[in-house]
Amino acid sequence: ESLRERLDPIPVGLSDDLGLPGDAKEAVLMAVLANEHLAGNPGNVPGATGARRPVVLGAFYPAP
């Protein structure tokens, strides 16, 4: 069963249609998560994941 069928009547499209090539989605996600980490913003959604609290994800290791 496709995502479109499962979410009907909610419209589902392709990221390509919004100018984000499918091959670039993972790279963009990593950049967004890195930005959120550096800004000190939580990167999880406790209501969706079951986490006890919002937390900043990842670690930053500057080059020596």
PDB file of N, CA and C in Angstrom:
ATOM      1  N   GLU A   1       0.856  -1.185   0.000  1.00  0.00           N
ATOM      2  CA  GLU A   1       0.000   0.000   0.000  1.00  0.00           C
ATOM      3  C   GLU A   1       0.895   1.239   0.000  1.00  0.00           C
ATOM      4  N   SER A   2       0.576   2.169  -0.858  1.00  0.00           N
ATOM      5  CA  SER A   2       1.412   3.360  -0.977  1.00  0.00           C
ATOM      6  C   SER A   2       1.077   4.389   0.103  1.00  0.00           C
ATOM      7  N   LEU A   3       2.023   5.275   0.321  1.00  0.00           N
ATOM      8  CA  LEU A   3       1.820   6.353   1.283  1.00  0.00           C
ATOM      9  C   LEU A   3       0.641   7.224   0.864  1.00  0.00           C
ATOM     10  N   ARG A   4       0.509   7.469  -0.423  1.00  0.00           N
ATOM     11  CA  ARG A   4      -0.631   8.262  -0.913  1.00  0.00           C
ATOM     12  C   ARG A   4      -1.953   7.611  -0.535  1.00  0.00           C
ATOM     13  N   GLU A   5      -2.037   6.300  -0.692  1.00  0.00           N
ATOM     14  CA  GLU A   5      -3.278   5.586  -0.360  1.00  0.00           C
ATOM     15  C   GLU A   5      -3.551   5.629   1.138  1.00  0.00           C
ATOM     16  N   ARG A   6      -2.515   5.464   1.927  1.00  0.00           N
ATOM     17  CA  ARG A   6      -2.701   5.441   3.384  1.00  0.00           C
ATOM     18  C   ARG A   6      -3.095   6.796   3.950  1.00  0.00           C
ATOM     19  N   LEU A   7      -2.621   7.867   3.316  1.00  0.00           N
ATOM     20  CA  LEU A   7      -2.893   9.209   3.834  1.00  0.00           C
ATOM     21  C   LEU A   7      -4.060   9.910   3.148  1.00  0.00           C
ATOM     22  N   ASP A   8      -4.661   9.276   2.166  1.00  0.00           N
ATOM     23  CA  ASP A   8      -5.790   9.870   1.458  1.00  0.00           C
ATOM     24  C   ASP A   8      -6.848  10.329   2.457  1.00  0.00           C
ATOM     25  N   PRO A   9      -7.326  11.525   2.395  1.00  0.00           N
ATOM     26  CA  PRO A   9      -7.306  12.528   1.334  1.00  0.00           C
ATOM     27  C   PRO A   9      -6.195  13.578   1.479  1.00  0.00           C
ATOM     28  N   ILE A  10      -5.221  13.370   2.355  1.00  0.00           N
ATOM     29  CA  ILE A  10      -4.129  14.337   2.506  1.00  0.00           C
ATOM     30  C   ILE A  10      -3.240  14.266   1.266  1.00  0.00           C
ATOM     31  N   PRO A  11      -2.962  15.410   0.635  1.00  0.00           N
ATOM     32  CA  PRO A  11      -2.119  15.372  -0.562  1.00  0.00           C
ATOM     33  C   PRO A  11      -0.677  14.996  -0.218  1.00  0.00           C
ATOM     34  N   VAL A  12      -0.092  14.113  -1.001  1.00  0.00           N
ATOM     35  CA  VAL A  12       1.296  13.686  -0.831  1.00  0.00           C
ATOM     36  C   VAL A  12       2.009  13.935  -2.149  1.00  0.00           C
ATOM     37  N   GLY A  13       3.131  14.636  -2.086  1.00  0.00           N
ATOM     38  CA  GLY A  13       3.887  14.939  -3.294  1.00  0.00           C
ATOM     39  C   GLY A  13       5.333  14.509  -3.152  1.00  0.00           C
ATOM     40  N   LEU A  14       6.110  14.838  -4.148  1.00  0.00           N
ATOM     41  CA  LEU A  14       7.529  14.512  -4.165  1.00  0.00           C
ATOM     42  C   LEU A  14       8.347  15.742  -3.796  1.00  0.00           C
ATOM     43  N   SER A  15       9.449  15.532  -3.097  1.00  0.00           N
ATOM     44  CA  SER A  15      10.322  16.657  -2.776  1.00  0.00           C
ATOM     45  C   SER A  15      10.865  17.291  -4.052  1.00  0.00           C
ATOM     46  N   ASP A  16      11.025  16.491  -5.100  1.00  0.00           N
ATOM     47  CA  ASP A  16      11.492  17.017  -6.392  1.00  0.00           C
ATOM     48  C   ASP A  16      10.574  18.132  -6.893  1.00  0.00           C
ATOM     49  N   ASP A  17       9.285  18.001  -6.628  1.00  0.00           N
ATOM     50  CA  ASP A  17       8.321  19.008  -7.077  1.00  0.00           C
ATOM     51  C   ASP A  17       8.495  20.334  -6.341  1.00  0.00           C
ATOM     52  N   LEU A  18       9.197  20.303  -5.204  1.00  0.00           N
ATOM     53  CA  LEU A  18       9.442  21.514  -4.415  1.00  0.00           C
ATOM     54  C   LEU A  18      10.854  22.045  -4.620  1.00  0.00           C
ATOM     55  N   GLY A  19      11.585  21.441  -5.566  1.00  0.00           N
ATOM     56  CA  GLY A  19      12.938  21.900  -5.856  1.00  0.00           C
ATOM     57  C   GLY A  19      14.023  21.196  -5.075  1.00  0.00           C
ATOM     58  N   LEU A  20      13.686  20.155  -4.328  1.00  0.00           N
ATOM     59  CA  LEU A  20      14.673  19.387  -3.566  1.00  0.00           C
ATOM     60  C   LEU A  20      14.786  17.997  -4.180  1.00  0.00           C
ATOM     61  N   PRO A  21      15.862  17.752  -4.928  1.00  0.00           N
ATOM     62  CA  PRO A  21      16.012  16.436  -5.551  1.00  0.00           C
ATOM     63  C   PRO A  21      16.013  15.318  -4.513  1.00  0.00           C
ATOM     64  N   GLY A  22      15.367  14.222  -4.835  1.00  0.00           N
ATOM     65  CA  GLY A  22      15.298  13.087  -3.923  1.00  0.00           C
ATOM     66  C   GLY A  22      16.660  12.617  -3.453  1.00  0.00           C
ATOM     67  N   ASP A  23      17.666  12.702  -4.329  1.00  0.00           N
ATOM     68  CA  ASP A  23      19.014  12.270  -3.968  1.00  0.00           C
ATOM     69  C   ASP A  23      19.669  13.192  -2.949  1.00  0.00           C
ATOM     70  N   ALA A  24      19.123  14.384  -2.732  1.00  0.00           N
ATOM     71  CA  ALA A  24      19.721  15.351  -1.813  1.00  0.00           C
ATOM     72  C   ALA A  24      19.033  15.379  -0.455  1.00  0.00           C
ATOM     73  N   LYS A  25      17.945  14.641  -0.290  1.00  0.00           N
ATOM     74  CA  LYS A  25      17.158  14.730   0.954  1.00  0.00           C
ATOM     75  C   LYS A  25      17.981  14.403   2.193  1.00  0.00           C
ATOM     76  N   GLU A  26      18.774  13.342   2.153  1.00  0.00           N
ATOM     77  CA  GLU A  26      19.544  12.955   3.338  1.00  0.00           C
ATOM     78  C   GLU A  26      20.585  14.016   3.684  1.00  0.00           C
ATOM     79  N   ALA A  27      21.260  14.559   2.682  1.00  0.00           N
ATOM     80  CA  ALA A  27      22.260  15.594   2.930  1.00  0.00           C
ATOM     81  C   ALA A  27      21.613  16.835   3.542  1.00  0.00           C
ATOM     82  N   VAL A  28      20.454  17.217   3.038  1.00  0.00           N
ATOM     83  CA  VAL A  28      19.747  18.377   3.579  1.00  0.00           C
ATOM     84  C   VAL A  28      19.317  18.104   5.019  1.00  0.00           C
ATOM     85  N   LEU A  29      18.821  16.903   5.293  1.00  0.00           N
ATOM     86  CA  LEU A  29      18.428  16.547   6.656  1.00  0.00           C
ATOM     87  C   LEU A  29      19.608  16.662   7.612  1.00  0.00           C
ATOM     88  N   MET A  30      20.773  16.155   7.218  1.00  0.00           N
ATOM     89  CA  MET A  30      21.955  16.231   8.086  1.00  0.00           C
ATOM     90  C   MET A  30      22.344  17.686   8.337  1.00  0.00           C
ATOM     91  N   ALA A  31      22.242  18.536   7.312  1.00  0.00           N
ATOM     92  CA  ALA A  31      22.556  19.955   7.476  1.00  0.00           C
ATOM     93  C   ALA A  31      21.572  20.626   8.431  1.00  0.00           C
ATOM     94  N   VAL A  32      20.296  20.293   8.321  1.00  0.00           N
ATOM     95  CA  VAL A  32      19.280  20.860   9.219  1.00  0.00           C
ATOM     96  C   VAL A  32      19.536  20.413  10.657  1.00  0.00           C
ATOM     97  N   LEU A  33      19.812  19.128  10.858  1.00  0.00           N
ATOM     98  CA  LEU A  33      20.083  18.630  12.212  1.00  0.00           C
ATOM     99  C   LEU A  33      21.343  19.271  12.793  1.00  0.00           C
ATOM    100  N   ALA A  34      22.384  19.457  11.974  1.00  0.00           N
ATOM    101  CA  ALA A  34      23.603  20.116  12.447  1.00  0.00           C
ATOM    102  C   ALA A  34      23.309  21.554  12.847  1.00  0.00           C
ATOM    103  N   ASN A  35      22.530  22.253  12.039  1.00  0.00           N
ATOM    104  CA  ASN A  35      22.168  23.626  12.356  1.00  0.00           C
ATOM    105  C   ASN A  35      21.387  23.697  13.669  1.00  0.00           C
ATOM    106  N   GLU A  36      20.446  22.800  13.848  1.00  0.00           N
ATOM    107  CA  GLU A  36      19.650  22.789  15.083  1.00  0.00           C
ATOM    108  C   GLU A  36      20.531  22.491  16.290  1.00  0.00           C
ATOM    109  N   HIS A  37      21.491  21.596  16.125  1.00  0.00           N
ATOM    110  CA  HIS A  37      22.420  21.285  17.223  1.00  0.00           C
ATOM    111  C   HIS A  37      23.216  22.531  17.600  1.00  0.00           C
ATOM    112  N   LEU A  38      23.805  23.203  16.600  1.00  0.00           N
ATOM    113  CA  LEU A  38      24.620  24.388  16.872  1.00  0.00           C
ATOM    114  C   LEU A  38      23.797  25.519  17.475  1.00  0.00           C
ATOM    115  N   ALA A  39      22.513  25.587  17.137  1.00  0.00           N
ATOM    116  CA  ALA A  39      21.626  26.618  17.690  1.00  0.00           C
ATOM    117  C   ALA A  39      21.112  26.241  19.077  1.00  0.00           C
ATOM    118  N   GLY A  40      21.390  24.987  19.504  1.00  0.00           N
ATOM    119  CA  GLY A  40      20.927  24.537  20.819  1.00  0.00           C
ATOM    120  C   GLY A  40      19.467  24.148  20.851  1.00  0.00           C
ATOM    121  N   ASN A  41      18.899  23.868  19.694  1.00  0.00           N
ATOM    122  CA  ASN A  41      17.483  23.493  19.620  1.00  0.00           C
ATOM    123  C   ASN A  41      17.308  21.984  19.708  1.00  0.00           C
ATOM    124  N   PRO A  42      16.300  21.520  20.424  1.00  0.00           N
ATOM    125  CA  PRO A  42      16.037  20.079  20.469  1.00  0.00           C
ATOM    126  C   PRO A  42      15.754  19.539  19.075  1.00  0.00           C
ATOM    127  N   GLY A  43      16.221  18.325  18.834  1.00  0.00           N
ATOM    128  CA  GLY A  43      16.022  17.715  17.531  1.00  0.00           C
ATOM    129  C   GLY A  43      15.081  16.540  17.559  1.00  0.00           C
ATOM    130  N   ASN A  44      14.494  16.276  18.708  1.00  0.00           N
ATOM    131  CA  ASN A  44      13.554  15.154  18.792  1.00  0.00           C
ATOM    132  C   ASN A  44      12.145  15.670  19.069  1.00  0.00           C
ATOM    133  N   VAL A  45      11.178  14.791  18.937  1.00  0.00           N
ATOM    134  CA  VAL A  45       9.773  15.133  19.188  1.00  0.00           C
ATOM    135  C   VAL A  45       9.249  14.115  20.199  1.00  0.00           C
ATOM    136  N   PRO A  46       9.333  14.441  21.498  1.00  0.00           N
ATOM    137  CA  PRO A  46       8.947  13.466  22.518  1.00  0.00           C
ATOM    138  C   PRO A  46       7.552  12.880  22.333  1.00  0.00           C
ATOM    139  N   GLY A  47       6.599  13.673  21.884  1.00  0.00           N
ATOM    140  CA  GLY A  47       5.244  13.163  21.681  1.00  0.00           C
ATOM    141  C   GLY A  47       5.158  12.092  20.608  1.00  0.00           C
ATOM    142  N   ALA A  48       6.116  12.111  19.684  1.00  0.00           N
ATOM    143  CA  ALA A  48       6.109  11.130  18.598  1.00  0.00           C
ATOM    144  C   ALA A  48       7.025   9.951  18.875  1.00  0.00           C
ATOM    145  N   THR A  49       8.089  10.188  19.666  1.00  0.00           N
ATOM    146  CA  THR A  49       9.089   9.140  19.872  1.00  0.00           C
ATOM    147  C   THR A  49       8.979   8.431  21.213  1.00  0.00           C
ATOM    148  N   GLY A  50       8.272   9.048  22.152  1.00  0.00           N
ATOM    149  CA  GLY A  50       8.187   8.467  23.490  1.00  0.00           C
ATOM    150  C   GLY A  50       9.323   8.906  24.402  1.00  0.00           C
ATOM    151  N   ALA A  51      10.191   9.802  23.916  1.00  0.00           N
ATOM    152  CA  ALA A  51      11.277  10.313  24.752  1.00  0.00           C
ATOM    153  C   ALA A  51      10.683  11.062  25.941  1.00  0.00           C
ATOM    154  N   ARG A  52      11.419  11.084  27.039  1.00  0.00           N
ATOM    155  CA  ARG A  52      10.924  11.750  28.249  1.00  0.00           C
ATOM    156  C   ARG A  52      10.974  13.266  28.160  1.00  0.00           C
ATOM    157  N   ARG A  53      11.899  13.778  27.324  1.00  0.00           N
ATOM    158  CA  ARG A  53      12.047  15.233  27.235  1.00  0.00           C
ATOM    159  C   ARG A  53      12.709  15.599  25.911  1.00  0.00           C
ATOM    160  N   PRO A  54      12.573  16.858  25.502  1.00  0.00           N
ATOM    161  CA  PRO A  54      13.283  17.303  24.298  1.00  0.00           C
ATOM    162  C   PRO A  54      14.787  17.357  24.575  1.00  0.00           C
ATOM    163  N   VAL A  55      15.602  16.955  23.620  1.00  0.00           N
ATOM    164  CA  VAL A  55      17.059  17.015  23.776  1.00  0.00           C
ATOM    165  C   VAL A  55      17.709  17.490  22.480  1.00  0.00           C
ATOM    166  N   VAL A  56      18.867  18.129  22.648  1.00  0.00           N
ATOM    167  CA  VAL A  56      19.686  18.500  21.500  1.00  0.00           C
ATOM    168  C   VAL A  56      20.381  17.227  21.039  1.00  0.00           C
ATOM    169  N   LEU A  57      20.276  16.915  19.758  1.00  0.00           N
ATOM    170  CA  LEU A  57      20.831  15.671  19.238  1.00  0.00           C
ATOM    171  C   LEU A  57      22.258  15.854  18.748  1.00  0.00           C
ATOM    172  N   GLY A  58      23.033  14.784  18.810  1.00  0.00           N
ATOM    173  CA  GLY A  58      24.369  14.759  18.235  1.00  0.00           C
ATOM    174  C   GLY A  58      25.426  15.351  19.141  1.00  0.00           C
ATOM    175  N   ALA A  59      26.610  15.491  18.579  1.00  0.00           N
ATOM    176  CA  ALA A  59      27.753  16.054  19.291  1.00  0.00           C
ATOM    177  C   ALA A  59      28.562  16.877  18.301  1.00  0.00           C
ATOM    178  N   PHE A  60      29.300  17.853  18.816  1.00  0.00           N
ATOM    179  CA  PHE A  60      30.134  18.703  17.973  1.00  0.00           C
ATOM    180  C   PHE A  60      31.576  18.512  18.386  1.00  0.00           C
ATOM    181  N   TYR A  61      32.408  18.097  17.454  1.00  0.00           N
ATOM    182  CA  TYR A  61      33.828  17.872  17.705  1.00  0.00           C
ATOM    183  C   TYR A  61      34.633  18.755  16.761  1.00  0.00           C
ATOM    184  N   PRO A  62      35.042  19.951  17.225  1.00  0.00           N
ATOM    185  CA  PRO A  62      35.806  20.831  16.342  1.00  0.00           C
ATOM    186  C   PRO A  62      37.172  20.227  16.015  1.00  0.00           C
ATOM    187  N   ALA A  63      37.686  20.568  14.849  1.00  0.00           N
ATOM    188  CA  ALA A  63      39.009  20.083  14.451  1.00  0.00           C
ATOM    189  C   ALA A  63      40.059  20.663  15.394  1.00  0.00           C
ATOM    190  N   PRO A  64      41.093  19.890  15.691  1.00  0.00           N
ATOM    191  CA  PRO A  64      42.153  20.396  16.602  1.00  0.00           C
ATOM    192  C   PRO A  64      42.908  21.567  16.001  1.00  0.00           C
TER     193      PRO A  64
END
